[in-house]
C-alpha cells in the first residue's frame, strides 16, 4: 500500500509545494531584514505565520520512507505549519496502520492545516493539537515510534526531554534546520556520549535512533 501516490493527496501536495516555492524568496528576504529567528517567541510567531517554512518534495519523501522503513505507527510532529511534512507523515501513518499527532501554535496555520488534511483525505490519520507544544504534548502517555522536530528551534531540546520517556529502543528522532544557532544545545545534547541516542547529521537534518 502506498498512500503517497494517491491522486487526491498528490493534488494537495503539489499545490502546497508550489506555494512554498513562491514563498521561499520572500521568507529569505524577511528573515535577513528582521532576524526573525532572534525575536522573542511570541513576536516571531506572529511574523512567521505569514510563511510556509515547508520541507521540499525530496525531504518529504525521505520522511515518508523513514517512517515506512521503521514501521512507525505512533508518530509525533512539532511544527506542522501549513501541513506539508504532516501530509507525508500522515500518509505513512495510514500505510503503517498508525496515527500522527501534530502540533502548531499559529491559529491561521491550524485552520489551513485542517482544510489541507481534509482535502488530502488524511483527517482520520492525524490529530492536530493547537497551541504551545510543551503544553499540548505534556499529557502524552503513549509510546512514540517517530518524533519530528520542525518548529521553534529553542524548543527542540525541551520537547525531546519531555517526550524522551515515551521513546523506546529503536525509536527515530528527526530534527530539521539544526544548523540554526538556537538548535545548538539540542545538537550537543543528542551527540553527547551519555545521551542514549545514536545521532548522524545530514546537512541541516539530525537523525537519531534511541538505544
N, C-alpha and C. Protein backbone atom coordinates (compact mmCIF):
# COMPACT_ATOMS: atom_id res chain seq x y z
N UNK A 1 0.85 -1.20 0.00
CA UNK A 1 0.00 0.00 0.00
C UNK A 1 0.88 1.24 0.00
N UNK A 2 0.56 2.24 -0.84
CA UNK A 2 1.36 3.44 -0.95
C UNK A 2 0.44 4.65 -1.10
N UNK A 3 0.01 5.18 0.02
CA UNK A 3 -0.89 6.33 0.01
C UNK A 3 -0.23 7.55 -0.59
N UNK A 4 1.09 7.62 -0.55
CA UNK A 4 1.79 8.80 -1.04
C UNK A 4 1.47 9.09 -2.50
N UNK A 5 1.19 8.07 -3.28
CA UNK A 5 0.88 8.26 -4.70
C UNK A 5 -0.60 8.45 -4.97
N UNK A 6 -1.41 8.55 -3.93
CA UNK A 6 -2.84 8.77 -4.11
C UNK A 6 -3.08 10.11 -4.81
N UNK A 7 -3.85 10.14 -5.89
CA UNK A 7 -4.06 11.39 -6.64
C UNK A 7 -4.62 12.52 -5.79
N UNK A 8 -5.51 12.20 -4.88
CA UNK A 8 -6.11 13.22 -4.01
C UNK A 8 -5.04 13.88 -3.15
N UNK A 9 -4.14 13.08 -2.57
CA UNK A 9 -3.05 13.62 -1.76
C UNK A 9 -2.06 14.39 -2.62
N UNK A 10 -1.71 13.85 -3.78
CA UNK A 10 -0.74 14.50 -4.64
C UNK A 10 -1.22 15.86 -5.12
N UNK A 11 -2.51 16.01 -5.35
CA UNK A 11 -3.04 17.31 -5.76
C UNK A 11 -2.79 18.36 -4.69
N UNK A 12 -3.02 18.00 -3.44
CA UNK A 12 -2.80 18.94 -2.33
C UNK A 12 -1.31 19.22 -2.16
N UNK A 13 -0.48 18.17 -2.21
CA UNK A 13 0.97 18.37 -2.06
C UNK A 13 1.53 19.26 -3.16
N UNK A 14 1.11 19.05 -4.39
CA UNK A 14 1.62 19.87 -5.48
C UNK A 14 1.24 21.33 -5.30
N UNK A 15 0.03 21.57 -4.85
CA UNK A 15 -0.40 22.95 -4.59
C UNK A 15 0.42 23.59 -3.48
N UNK A 16 0.65 22.86 -2.40
CA UNK A 16 1.40 23.40 -1.28
C UNK A 16 2.87 23.60 -1.62
N UNK A 17 3.47 22.66 -2.34
CA UNK A 17 4.87 22.82 -2.73
C UNK A 17 5.04 24.02 -3.66
N UNK A 18 4.10 24.25 -4.57
CA UNK A 18 4.18 25.40 -5.46
C UNK A 18 4.08 26.70 -4.67
N UNK A 19 3.17 26.75 -3.72
CA UNK A 19 3.02 27.95 -2.90
C UNK A 19 4.25 28.18 -2.04
N UNK A 20 4.82 27.11 -1.50
CA UNK A 20 6.02 27.22 -0.67
C UNK A 20 7.21 27.70 -1.49
N UNK A 21 7.32 27.25 -2.73
CA UNK A 21 8.42 27.68 -3.60
C UNK A 21 8.30 29.17 -3.90
N UNK A 22 7.09 29.64 -4.16
CA UNK A 22 6.88 31.07 -4.40
C UNK A 22 7.20 31.89 -3.16
N UNK A 23 7.02 31.29 -2.02
CA UNK A 23 7.18 31.96 -0.73
C UNK A 23 8.63 32.03 -0.26
N UNK A 24 9.49 31.15 -0.82
CA UNK A 24 10.84 30.97 -0.28
C UNK A 24 11.67 32.25 -0.35
N UNK A 25 11.63 32.95 -1.48
CA UNK A 25 12.45 34.15 -1.63
C UNK A 25 11.97 35.24 -0.68
N UNK A 26 10.67 35.37 -0.53
CA UNK A 26 10.11 36.38 0.39
C UNK A 26 10.52 36.10 1.83
N UNK A 27 10.51 34.79 2.21
CA UNK A 27 10.92 34.40 3.56
C UNK A 27 12.39 34.73 3.80
N UNK A 28 13.26 34.43 2.83
CA UNK A 28 14.69 34.69 2.99
C UNK A 28 14.95 36.18 3.17
N UNK A 29 14.27 37.00 2.38
CA UNK A 29 14.47 38.44 2.49
C UNK A 29 13.97 38.97 3.83
N UNK A 30 12.81 38.51 4.26
CA UNK A 30 12.27 38.98 5.54
C UNK A 30 13.13 38.53 6.71
N UNK A 31 13.63 37.30 6.65
CA UNK A 31 14.46 36.79 7.74
C UNK A 31 15.74 37.60 7.86
N UNK A 32 16.32 37.95 6.72
CA UNK A 32 17.56 38.74 6.74
C UNK A 32 17.30 40.14 7.26
N UNK A 33 16.19 40.72 6.87
CA UNK A 33 15.89 42.10 7.26
C UNK A 33 15.54 42.22 8.74
N UNK A 34 14.79 41.25 9.26
CA UNK A 34 14.24 41.39 10.60
C UNK A 34 14.79 40.40 11.61
N UNK A 35 15.67 39.49 11.16
CA UNK A 35 16.26 38.49 12.06
C UNK A 35 15.18 37.81 12.89
N UNK A 36 14.19 37.24 12.20
CA UNK A 36 13.05 36.63 12.88
C UNK A 36 13.49 35.59 13.89
N UNK A 37 14.53 34.83 13.53
CA UNK A 37 14.97 33.76 14.41
C UNK A 37 15.47 34.24 15.76
N UNK A 38 15.77 35.54 15.87
CA UNK A 38 16.27 36.08 17.13
C UNK A 38 15.20 36.83 17.91
N UNK A 39 13.98 36.89 17.37
CA UNK A 39 12.91 37.59 18.07
C UNK A 39 12.39 36.74 19.23
N UNK A 40 11.78 37.39 20.23
CA UNK A 40 11.07 36.61 21.26
C UNK A 40 10.05 35.72 20.59
N UNK A 41 9.75 34.57 21.21
CA UNK A 41 8.92 33.57 20.55
C UNK A 41 7.55 34.11 20.16
N UNK A 42 6.89 34.86 21.05
CA UNK A 42 5.54 35.32 20.74
C UNK A 42 5.52 36.30 19.59
N UNK A 43 6.53 37.19 19.51
CA UNK A 43 6.59 38.16 18.42
C UNK A 43 6.98 37.48 17.12
N UNK A 44 7.96 36.57 17.18
CA UNK A 44 8.37 35.86 15.98
C UNK A 44 7.26 34.99 15.44
N UNK A 45 6.45 34.43 16.32
CA UNK A 45 5.35 33.56 15.89
C UNK A 45 4.38 34.31 15.00
N UNK A 46 4.06 35.55 15.36
CA UNK A 46 3.13 36.34 14.56
C UNK A 46 3.70 36.55 13.17
N UNK A 47 4.97 36.90 13.08
CA UNK A 47 5.57 37.19 11.78
C UNK A 47 5.76 35.92 10.96
N UNK A 48 6.12 34.83 11.61
CA UNK A 48 6.34 33.58 10.89
C UNK A 48 5.04 32.97 10.40
N UNK A 49 3.91 33.45 10.91
CA UNK A 49 2.62 32.96 10.44
C UNK A 49 2.36 33.28 8.99
N UNK A 50 3.14 34.20 8.42
CA UNK A 50 2.97 34.56 7.02
C UNK A 50 3.60 33.53 6.08
N UNK A 51 4.48 32.67 6.58
CA UNK A 51 5.34 31.87 5.71
C UNK A 51 5.07 30.37 5.83
N UNK A 52 5.36 29.67 4.73
CA UNK A 52 5.13 28.22 4.69
C UNK A 52 6.17 27.45 5.50
N UNK A 53 7.47 27.77 5.32
CA UNK A 53 8.54 27.09 6.05
C UNK A 53 8.43 25.57 5.88
N UNK A 54 8.26 25.14 4.63
CA UNK A 54 7.92 23.75 4.35
C UNK A 54 9.12 22.92 3.93
N UNK A 55 9.02 21.60 4.15
CA UNK A 55 10.03 20.69 3.61
C UNK A 55 9.88 20.63 2.10
N UNK A 56 10.97 20.28 1.42
CA UNK A 56 10.95 20.13 -0.03
C UNK A 56 10.31 18.79 -0.40
N UNK A 57 9.97 18.58 -1.67
CA UNK A 57 9.45 17.26 -2.07
C UNK A 57 10.40 16.12 -1.74
N UNK A 58 11.71 16.32 -1.94
CA UNK A 58 12.68 15.27 -1.62
C UNK A 58 12.71 14.99 -0.12
N UNK A 59 12.68 16.06 0.68
CA UNK A 59 12.68 15.88 2.13
C UNK A 59 11.40 15.19 2.60
N UNK A 60 10.30 15.56 1.98
CA UNK A 60 9.03 14.94 2.35
C UNK A 60 9.02 13.45 2.06
N UNK A 61 9.52 13.08 0.89
CA UNK A 61 9.58 11.65 0.55
C UNK A 61 10.51 10.91 1.50
N UNK A 62 11.60 11.57 1.91
CA UNK A 62 12.51 10.94 2.87
C UNK A 62 11.78 10.68 4.19
N UNK A 63 11.00 11.64 4.64
CA UNK A 63 10.23 11.44 5.87
C UNK A 63 9.30 10.24 5.74
N UNK A 64 8.62 10.16 4.60
CA UNK A 64 7.71 9.04 4.37
C UNK A 64 8.46 7.72 4.37
N UNK A 65 9.59 7.67 3.67
CA UNK A 65 10.37 6.43 3.59
C UNK A 65 10.91 6.01 4.95
N UNK A 66 11.40 6.96 5.74
CA UNK A 66 11.92 6.62 7.06
C UNK A 66 10.81 6.08 7.97
N UNK A 67 9.65 6.70 7.89
CA UNK A 67 8.53 6.23 8.70
C UNK A 67 8.09 4.83 8.27
N UNK A 68 8.06 4.59 6.96
CA UNK A 68 7.66 3.27 6.47
C UNK A 68 8.71 2.22 6.82
N UNK A 69 9.99 2.58 6.63
CA UNK A 69 11.07 1.61 6.86
C UNK A 69 11.14 1.17 8.31
N UNK A 70 10.85 2.10 9.22
CA UNK A 70 10.89 1.77 10.65
C UNK A 70 9.55 1.27 11.17
N UNK A 71 8.56 1.19 10.28
CA UNK A 71 7.21 0.74 10.64
C UNK A 71 6.62 1.56 11.80
N UNK A 72 6.95 2.84 11.81
CA UNK A 72 6.46 3.71 12.88
C UNK A 72 4.95 3.84 12.81
N UNK A 73 4.29 3.56 13.90
CA UNK A 73 2.83 3.64 13.97
C UNK A 73 2.36 4.79 14.87
N UNK A 74 3.16 5.15 15.85
CA UNK A 74 2.79 6.21 16.79
C UNK A 74 3.78 7.35 16.61
N UNK A 75 3.35 8.37 15.86
CA UNK A 75 4.24 9.45 15.47
C UNK A 75 3.80 10.78 16.05
N UNK A 76 4.78 11.64 16.32
CA UNK A 76 4.52 12.98 16.84
C UNK A 76 5.33 13.97 16.02
N UNK A 77 4.69 15.08 15.65
CA UNK A 77 5.37 16.14 14.91
C UNK A 77 5.23 17.45 15.67
N UNK A 78 6.33 18.19 15.78
CA UNK A 78 6.32 19.52 16.36
C UNK A 78 6.53 20.53 15.23
N UNK A 79 5.53 21.38 14.99
CA UNK A 79 5.67 22.43 13.99
C UNK A 79 5.12 22.03 12.64
N UNK A 80 3.81 21.93 12.53
CA UNK A 80 3.19 21.47 11.28
C UNK A 80 3.18 22.55 10.20
N UNK A 81 3.12 23.82 10.59
CA UNK A 81 2.93 24.92 9.65
C UNK A 81 1.66 24.66 8.84
N UNK A 82 1.73 24.73 7.50
CA UNK A 82 0.55 24.50 6.68
C UNK A 82 0.32 23.03 6.37
N UNK A 83 1.23 22.17 6.83
CA UNK A 83 0.95 20.75 6.76
C UNK A 83 1.66 19.95 5.70
N UNK A 84 2.72 20.48 5.10
CA UNK A 84 3.42 19.72 4.06
C UNK A 84 4.04 18.46 4.66
N UNK A 85 4.90 18.63 5.65
CA UNK A 85 5.51 17.45 6.29
C UNK A 85 4.45 16.58 6.95
N UNK A 86 3.40 17.21 7.45
CA UNK A 86 2.30 16.47 8.08
C UNK A 86 1.64 15.51 7.11
N UNK A 87 1.47 15.93 5.87
CA UNK A 87 0.84 15.08 4.87
C UNK A 87 1.71 13.87 4.55
N UNK A 88 3.02 14.07 4.47
CA UNK A 88 3.92 12.94 4.21
C UNK A 88 3.88 11.94 5.37
N UNK A 89 3.95 12.45 6.59
CA UNK A 89 3.90 11.55 7.74
C UNK A 89 2.51 10.95 7.92
N UNK A 90 1.48 11.72 7.60
CA UNK A 90 0.13 11.19 7.67
C UNK A 90 -0.09 10.04 6.70
N UNK A 91 0.50 10.15 5.51
CA UNK A 91 0.41 9.06 4.53
C UNK A 91 1.11 7.81 5.07
N UNK A 92 2.27 8.01 5.70
CA UNK A 92 2.99 6.87 6.28
C UNK A 92 2.20 6.27 7.44
N UNK A 93 1.56 7.12 8.23
CA UNK A 93 0.74 6.62 9.33
C UNK A 93 -0.38 5.73 8.82
N UNK A 94 -1.04 6.17 7.76
CA UNK A 94 -2.11 5.34 7.19
C UNK A 94 -1.56 4.01 6.69
N UNK A 95 -0.44 4.04 5.98
CA UNK A 95 0.10 2.81 5.39
C UNK A 95 0.67 1.88 6.45
N UNK A 96 1.10 2.45 7.57
CA UNK A 96 1.63 1.63 8.67
C UNK A 96 0.54 1.19 9.65
N UNK A 97 -0.69 1.63 9.41
CA UNK A 97 -1.76 1.31 10.34
C UNK A 97 -1.65 2.07 11.65
N UNK A 98 -1.12 3.29 11.58
CA UNK A 98 -0.89 4.06 12.80
C UNK A 98 -1.58 5.41 12.80
N UNK A 99 -1.02 6.36 13.57
CA UNK A 99 -1.63 7.67 13.74
C UNK A 99 -0.54 8.69 14.04
N UNK A 100 -0.75 9.91 13.54
CA UNK A 100 0.17 11.02 13.76
C UNK A 100 -0.51 12.08 14.62
N UNK A 101 0.20 12.52 15.66
CA UNK A 101 -0.22 13.69 16.43
C UNK A 101 0.71 14.82 16.04
N UNK A 102 0.15 15.91 15.54
CA UNK A 102 0.97 17.04 15.13
C UNK A 102 0.60 18.27 15.93
N UNK A 103 1.50 19.25 15.96
CA UNK A 103 1.30 20.45 16.76
C UNK A 103 1.56 21.69 15.93
N UNK A 104 0.83 22.74 16.21
CA UNK A 104 1.04 24.03 15.56
C UNK A 104 0.45 25.11 16.46
N UNK A 105 1.18 26.21 16.60
CA UNK A 105 0.76 27.27 17.51
C UNK A 105 0.01 28.40 16.81
N UNK A 106 0.23 28.59 15.52
CA UNK A 106 -0.36 29.73 14.83
C UNK A 106 -1.79 29.42 14.39
N UNK A 107 -2.78 30.19 14.84
CA UNK A 107 -4.18 29.87 14.53
C UNK A 107 -4.50 29.81 13.04
N UNK A 108 -3.96 30.74 12.25
CA UNK A 108 -4.24 30.74 10.81
C UNK A 108 -3.70 29.47 10.15
N UNK A 109 -2.52 29.06 10.57
CA UNK A 109 -1.95 27.84 10.01
C UNK A 109 -2.76 26.62 10.42
N UNK A 110 -3.27 26.63 11.64
CA UNK A 110 -4.09 25.50 12.09
C UNK A 110 -5.35 25.36 11.25
N UNK A 111 -5.98 26.49 10.94
CA UNK A 111 -7.18 26.44 10.09
C UNK A 111 -6.84 25.89 8.71
N UNK A 112 -5.74 26.37 8.13
CA UNK A 112 -5.34 25.89 6.81
C UNK A 112 -4.96 24.42 6.85
N UNK A 113 -4.29 24.01 7.92
CA UNK A 113 -3.86 22.62 8.04
C UNK A 113 -5.06 21.68 8.09
N UNK A 114 -6.06 22.04 8.85
CA UNK A 114 -7.25 21.19 8.93
C UNK A 114 -7.90 21.02 7.56
N UNK A 115 -7.96 22.13 6.80
CA UNK A 115 -8.54 22.06 5.46
C UNK A 115 -7.68 21.20 4.54
N UNK A 116 -6.37 21.33 4.64
CA UNK A 116 -5.48 20.54 3.79
C UNK A 116 -5.58 19.05 4.10
N UNK A 117 -5.68 18.71 5.37
CA UNK A 117 -5.83 17.31 5.75
C UNK A 117 -7.13 16.73 5.21
N UNK A 118 -8.20 17.51 5.29
CA UNK A 118 -9.49 17.04 4.79
C UNK A 118 -9.45 16.86 3.28
N UNK A 119 -8.85 17.82 2.57
CA UNK A 119 -8.77 17.73 1.12
C UNK A 119 -7.90 16.57 0.66
N UNK A 120 -6.89 16.23 1.46
CA UNK A 120 -5.99 15.13 1.11
C UNK A 120 -6.54 13.78 1.54
N UNK A 121 -7.64 13.78 2.29
CA UNK A 121 -8.22 12.53 2.75
C UNK A 121 -7.48 11.88 3.89
N UNK A 122 -6.77 12.68 4.70
CA UNK A 122 -5.96 12.14 5.79
C UNK A 122 -6.41 12.60 7.17
N UNK A 123 -7.56 13.24 7.25
CA UNK A 123 -8.01 13.79 8.53
C UNK A 123 -8.19 12.71 9.59
N UNK A 124 -8.50 11.50 9.17
CA UNK A 124 -8.71 10.42 10.15
C UNK A 124 -7.41 9.83 10.66
N UNK A 125 -6.28 10.18 10.03
CA UNK A 125 -4.98 9.62 10.42
C UNK A 125 -4.15 10.60 11.24
N UNK A 126 -4.63 11.83 11.37
CA UNK A 126 -3.84 12.89 12.01
C UNK A 126 -4.68 13.64 13.03
N UNK A 127 -4.11 13.86 14.21
CA UNK A 127 -4.72 14.70 15.23
C UNK A 127 -3.88 15.95 15.40
N UNK A 128 -4.50 17.12 15.29
CA UNK A 128 -3.81 18.39 15.47
C UNK A 128 -4.04 18.89 16.89
N UNK A 129 -2.95 19.21 17.58
CA UNK A 129 -3.04 19.84 18.88
C UNK A 129 -2.56 21.29 18.73
N UNK A 130 -3.48 22.21 18.89
CA UNK A 130 -3.19 23.62 18.65
C UNK A 130 -2.72 24.29 19.93
N UNK A 131 -1.60 25.05 19.81
CA UNK A 131 -1.08 25.77 20.96
C UNK A 131 0.38 25.45 21.20
N UNK A 132 0.87 25.81 22.37
CA UNK A 132 2.25 25.57 22.78
C UNK A 132 2.47 24.07 22.95
N UNK A 133 3.39 23.52 22.16
CA UNK A 133 3.60 22.07 22.17
C UNK A 133 4.05 21.55 23.53
N UNK A 134 4.76 22.37 24.29
CA UNK A 134 5.18 21.92 25.62
C UNK A 134 3.97 21.67 26.53
N UNK A 135 2.88 22.34 26.22
CA UNK A 135 1.65 22.12 26.99
C UNK A 135 0.75 21.07 26.33
N UNK A 136 0.62 21.14 25.00
CA UNK A 136 -0.32 20.23 24.33
C UNK A 136 0.19 18.79 24.27
N UNK A 137 1.50 18.60 24.44
CA UNK A 137 2.06 17.25 24.45
C UNK A 137 2.41 16.76 25.85
N UNK A 138 2.15 17.59 26.85
CA UNK A 138 2.56 17.25 28.21
C UNK A 138 1.83 16.03 28.76
N UNK A 139 0.62 15.78 28.26
CA UNK A 139 -0.15 14.64 28.77
C UNK A 139 0.02 13.39 27.92
N UNK A 140 0.99 13.39 27.03
CA UNK A 140 1.22 12.22 26.18
C UNK A 140 1.67 11.04 27.04
N UNK A 141 0.93 9.95 26.98
CA UNK A 141 1.29 8.75 27.74
C UNK A 141 1.66 7.59 26.83
N UNK A 142 1.25 7.64 25.56
CA UNK A 142 1.54 6.55 24.64
C UNK A 142 3.01 6.59 24.21
N UNK A 143 3.57 5.45 23.87
CA UNK A 143 4.92 5.43 23.30
C UNK A 143 4.97 6.21 21.99
N UNK A 144 6.16 6.65 21.62
CA UNK A 144 6.38 7.37 20.36
C UNK A 144 7.42 6.59 19.56
N UNK A 145 7.04 6.22 18.34
CA UNK A 145 7.96 5.49 17.46
C UNK A 145 8.80 6.42 16.61
N UNK A 146 8.24 7.59 16.29
CA UNK A 146 8.95 8.58 15.46
C UNK A 146 8.55 9.97 15.92
N UNK A 147 9.56 10.80 16.14
CA UNK A 147 9.36 12.19 16.56
C UNK A 147 10.04 13.10 15.55
N UNK A 148 9.28 14.03 14.97
CA UNK A 148 9.84 15.03 14.06
C UNK A 148 9.78 16.39 14.74
N UNK A 149 10.93 17.04 14.84
CA UNK A 149 11.03 18.39 15.40
C UNK A 149 11.30 19.35 14.25
N UNK A 150 10.34 20.23 13.97
CA UNK A 150 10.48 21.13 12.83
C UNK A 150 9.74 22.44 13.10
N UNK A 151 9.90 22.94 14.32
CA UNK A 151 9.25 24.19 14.68
C UNK A 151 10.26 25.16 15.27
N UNK A 152 9.87 25.82 16.36
CA UNK A 152 10.73 26.82 17.01
C UNK A 152 11.96 26.10 17.58
N UNK A 153 13.14 26.51 17.12
CA UNK A 153 14.36 25.74 17.40
C UNK A 153 14.72 25.68 18.88
N UNK A 154 14.43 26.73 19.62
CA UNK A 154 14.77 26.74 21.04
C UNK A 154 13.93 25.75 21.84
N UNK A 155 12.89 25.20 21.23
CA UNK A 155 12.05 24.21 21.91
C UNK A 155 12.44 22.78 21.59
N UNK A 156 13.39 22.58 20.70
CA UNK A 156 13.77 21.21 20.33
C UNK A 156 14.21 20.39 21.54
N UNK A 157 15.15 20.94 22.31
CA UNK A 157 15.66 20.18 23.45
C UNK A 157 14.61 20.00 24.54
N UNK A 158 13.86 21.05 24.93
CA UNK A 158 12.81 20.82 25.93
C UNK A 158 11.78 19.79 25.50
N UNK A 159 11.43 19.76 24.22
CA UNK A 159 10.45 18.78 23.74
C UNK A 159 11.03 17.37 23.74
N UNK A 160 12.29 17.25 23.36
CA UNK A 160 12.93 15.93 23.43
C UNK A 160 12.95 15.44 24.87
N UNK A 161 13.30 16.32 25.79
CA UNK A 161 13.34 15.93 27.20
C UNK A 161 11.94 15.56 27.70
N UNK A 162 10.92 16.27 27.23
CA UNK A 162 9.55 15.97 27.63
C UNK A 162 9.11 14.59 27.15
N UNK A 163 9.47 14.25 25.91
CA UNK A 163 8.98 13.01 25.30
C UNK A 163 9.96 11.85 25.41
N UNK A 164 11.15 12.10 25.92
CA UNK A 164 12.17 11.03 25.98
C UNK A 164 11.66 9.78 26.69
N UNK A 165 10.90 9.90 27.78
CA UNK A 165 10.40 8.67 28.42
C UNK A 165 9.46 7.86 27.53
N UNK A 166 8.91 8.47 26.49
CA UNK A 166 7.99 7.76 25.59
C UNK A 166 8.71 7.14 24.40
N UNK A 167 9.98 7.44 24.24
CA UNK A 167 10.76 6.96 23.10
C UNK A 167 11.49 5.68 23.48
N UNK A 168 11.04 4.57 22.96
CA UNK A 168 11.65 3.29 23.28
C UNK A 168 12.84 2.96 22.39
N UNK A 169 13.43 1.83 22.63
CA UNK A 169 14.57 1.39 21.83
C UNK A 169 14.17 1.29 20.36
N UNK A 170 14.98 1.89 19.50
CA UNK A 170 14.71 1.86 18.07
C UNK A 170 13.86 3.01 17.57
N UNK A 171 13.33 3.84 18.48
CA UNK A 171 12.53 4.99 18.06
C UNK A 171 13.42 5.98 17.31
N UNK A 172 12.82 6.67 16.35
CA UNK A 172 13.55 7.60 15.50
C UNK A 172 13.20 9.04 15.88
N UNK A 173 14.24 9.89 16.00
CA UNK A 173 14.04 11.30 16.30
C UNK A 173 14.69 12.11 15.18
N UNK A 174 13.90 12.89 14.47
CA UNK A 174 14.38 13.71 13.37
C UNK A 174 14.22 15.17 13.74
N UNK A 175 15.25 15.97 13.49
CA UNK A 175 15.18 17.41 13.78
C UNK A 175 15.69 18.17 12.57
N UNK A 176 14.86 19.06 12.04
CA UNK A 176 15.22 19.81 10.83
C UNK A 176 15.82 21.16 11.19
N UNK A 177 16.64 21.68 10.28
CA UNK A 177 17.25 23.01 10.43
C UNK A 177 18.09 23.14 11.69
N UNK A 178 18.86 22.09 11.99
CA UNK A 178 19.67 22.13 13.21
C UNK A 178 20.94 22.97 13.04
N UNK A 179 21.14 23.55 11.85
CA UNK A 179 22.24 24.49 11.68
C UNK A 179 21.91 25.85 12.29
N UNK A 180 20.68 26.05 12.70
CA UNK A 180 20.25 27.29 13.33
C UNK A 180 20.93 27.43 14.69
N UNK A 181 21.32 28.65 15.03
CA UNK A 181 22.01 28.89 16.30
C UNK A 181 21.20 28.43 17.50
N UNK A 182 19.88 28.59 17.43
CA UNK A 182 19.03 28.24 18.57
C UNK A 182 18.90 26.74 18.77
N UNK A 183 19.38 25.94 17.80
CA UNK A 183 19.29 24.48 17.92
C UNK A 183 20.59 23.85 18.39
N UNK A 184 21.60 24.66 18.70
CA UNK A 184 22.90 24.07 19.02
C UNK A 184 22.91 23.34 20.36
N UNK A 185 22.08 23.75 21.30
CA UNK A 185 22.00 23.00 22.55
C UNK A 185 21.40 21.62 22.30
N UNK A 186 20.45 21.54 21.38
CA UNK A 186 19.86 20.25 21.01
C UNK A 186 20.91 19.35 20.37
N UNK A 187 21.66 19.89 19.42
CA UNK A 187 22.68 19.10 18.73
C UNK A 187 23.70 18.57 19.72
N UNK A 188 24.15 19.42 20.63
CA UNK A 188 25.13 18.99 21.62
C UNK A 188 24.56 17.88 22.50
N UNK A 189 23.29 18.00 22.86
CA UNK A 189 22.67 17.01 23.75
C UNK A 189 22.54 15.66 23.07
N UNK A 190 22.07 15.64 21.81
CA UNK A 190 21.84 14.34 21.16
C UNK A 190 23.15 13.68 20.72
N UNK A 191 24.24 14.45 20.66
CA UNK A 191 25.53 13.87 20.29
C UNK A 191 26.39 13.53 21.50
N UNK A 192 25.91 13.85 22.68
CA UNK A 192 26.66 13.55 23.90
C UNK A 192 26.78 12.04 24.10
N UNK A 193 27.91 11.56 24.61
CA UNK A 193 28.12 10.12 24.78
C UNK A 193 27.08 9.44 25.67
N UNK A 194 26.53 10.18 26.62
CA UNK A 194 25.56 9.60 27.55
C UNK A 194 24.11 9.91 27.17
N UNK A 195 23.87 10.29 25.93
CA UNK A 195 22.53 10.70 25.51
C UNK A 195 21.56 9.54 25.35
N UNK A 196 22.10 8.33 25.17
CA UNK A 196 21.23 7.20 24.87
C UNK A 196 20.72 7.22 23.45
N UNK A 197 21.37 8.01 22.60
CA UNK A 197 20.98 8.17 21.21
C UNK A 197 22.19 7.95 20.31
N UNK A 198 21.95 7.40 19.15
CA UNK A 198 22.96 7.35 18.10
C UNK A 198 22.53 8.36 17.05
N UNK A 199 23.37 9.38 16.81
CA UNK A 199 22.96 10.53 16.01
C UNK A 199 23.89 10.74 14.83
N UNK A 200 23.28 11.07 13.69
CA UNK A 200 24.04 11.42 12.49
C UNK A 200 23.46 12.70 11.92
N UNK A 201 24.33 13.63 11.52
CA UNK A 201 23.90 14.88 10.90
C UNK A 201 24.01 14.76 9.39
N UNK A 202 22.92 15.06 8.70
CA UNK A 202 22.87 15.06 7.24
C UNK A 202 22.52 16.48 6.79
N UNK A 203 23.55 17.31 6.56
CA UNK A 203 23.28 18.70 6.27
C UNK A 203 22.66 19.36 7.49
N UNK A 204 21.45 19.92 7.32
CA UNK A 204 20.79 20.56 8.46
C UNK A 204 19.75 19.65 9.11
N UNK A 205 19.80 18.35 8.79
CA UNK A 205 18.89 17.38 9.38
C UNK A 205 19.63 16.48 10.36
N UNK A 206 19.12 16.39 11.57
CA UNK A 206 19.67 15.48 12.58
C UNK A 206 18.80 14.24 12.65
N UNK A 207 19.45 13.07 12.54
CA UNK A 207 18.74 11.79 12.60
C UNK A 207 19.28 11.02 13.80
N UNK A 208 18.42 10.70 14.75
CA UNK A 208 18.83 9.98 15.96
C UNK A 208 18.00 8.72 16.13
N UNK A 209 18.66 7.67 16.60
CA UNK A 209 17.98 6.43 16.95
C UNK A 209 18.16 6.21 18.44
N UNK A 210 17.08 5.89 19.13
CA UNK A 210 17.15 5.64 20.56
C UNK A 210 17.73 4.26 20.82
N UNK A 211 18.70 4.19 21.72
CA UNK A 211 19.39 2.93 22.02
C UNK A 211 18.78 2.25 23.25
